[in-house]
Protein backbone atom coordinates (compact mmCIF):
# COMPACT_ATOMS: atom_id res chain seq x y z
CA MET A 1 -10.65 -0.46 34.06
CA LEU A 2 -9.74 2.93 34.58
CA MET A 3 -6.17 2.20 33.81
CA LEU A 4 -7.26 0.61 30.65
CA VAL A 5 -9.11 3.74 29.35
CA VAL A 6 -6.15 5.95 30.47
CA VAL A 7 -3.85 3.62 28.27
CA VAL A 8 -5.81 3.95 25.30
CA VAL A 9 -6.53 7.89 25.44
CA VAL A 10 -2.88 8.27 25.67
CA LEU A 11 -1.95 5.96 22.89
CA THR A 12 -4.29 7.47 20.78
CA VAL A 13 -3.16 10.90 21.05
CA ALA A 14 0.37 9.71 20.82
CA LEU A 15 -0.29 7.83 17.78
CA SER A 16 -2.11 11.09 16.39
CA HIS A 17 0.66 13.29 17.31
CA TRP A 18 3.74 11.19 16.08
CA LEU A 19 2.40 9.07 13.46
CA VAL A 20 -0.67 10.63 11.57
CA GLU A 21 0.74 14.34 11.64
CA PRO A 22 3.54 13.55 9.97
CA LEU A 23 2.50 10.78 7.71
CA THR A 24 -0.14 13.62 6.45
CA ALA A 25 2.84 16.27 6.11
CA VAL A 26 4.70 13.51 3.89
CA LEU A 27 1.66 12.48 1.91
CA HIS A 28 0.46 16.13 1.37
CA PRO A 29 2.10 16.86 -2.04
CA LEU A 30 0.26 13.75 -3.48
CA PHE A 31 -2.87 15.44 -3.02
CA ASN A 32 -1.59 18.09 -5.41
CA LEU A 33 -0.88 15.66 -8.18
CA SER A 34 -2.10 16.53 -11.72
CA TRP A 35 -3.89 13.55 -13.61
CA LEU A 36 -0.34 12.71 -15.03
CA GLY A 37 1.17 12.51 -11.66
CA TRP A 38 -1.81 10.10 -10.51
CA GLY A 39 -1.28 8.00 -13.68
CA LEU A 40 2.38 7.60 -13.30
CA LEU A 41 2.17 6.98 -9.46
CA LEU A 42 -0.31 4.10 -10.53
CA VAL A 43 1.94 2.70 -13.06
CA LEU A 44 5.04 2.79 -10.60
CA ALA A 45 2.78 0.95 -8.19
CA TRP A 46 1.48 -1.57 -10.55
CA LEU A 47 5.16 -2.31 -11.69
CA LEU A 48 6.24 -2.53 -8.07
CA ALA A 49 3.59 -5.23 -7.49
CA GLY A 50 4.73 -7.49 -9.82
CA GLY A 51 3.19 -5.92 -13.04
CA VAL A 52 3.90 -7.74 -16.50
CA ALA A 53 7.01 -9.86 -15.42
CA GLY A 54 5.37 -11.37 -12.17
CA SER A 55 2.60 -13.26 -14.40
CA SER A 56 4.97 -14.54 -16.85
CA ALA A 57 8.25 -15.05 -15.06
CA PRO A 58 9.91 -18.27 -16.46
CA PRO A 59 10.40 -20.90 -13.46
CA ARG A 60 13.62 -21.15 -11.55
CA GLU A 61 16.20 -23.85 -12.63
CA GLY A 62 15.61 -26.85 -10.83
CA SER A 63 11.98 -26.57 -10.03
CA ASP A 64 10.13 -28.79 -12.22
CA PRO A 65 6.45 -28.11 -12.83
CA PRO A 66 4.06 -30.39 -10.83
CA THR A 67 3.04 -33.80 -12.88
CA ASP A 68 -0.11 -35.70 -12.83
CA GLN A 69 0.53 -39.36 -11.97
CA GLY A 70 -2.68 -40.50 -11.59
C-alpha cells in the first residue's frame, strides 16, 4: 500500500513538472487575446470540427442511402 502511495505521489509531481508547466507556458498567450482573437479562435475551432461542410457534405460515390424495404 505504501508503494502505491509513493508511485501516485511521484507520478503527480512528474506530471505537474513535465506536462502542466510546459502546457501553461505554451497556452499563456491565449489568455492575452482580445475579443477579436477569441472570436477568430472559436471560428477556427468550429471549422476544424466540421463547420458548415460537415453537415451538408454529399455522400461518397458507391454509398447508397438506406432504403425502407418494409
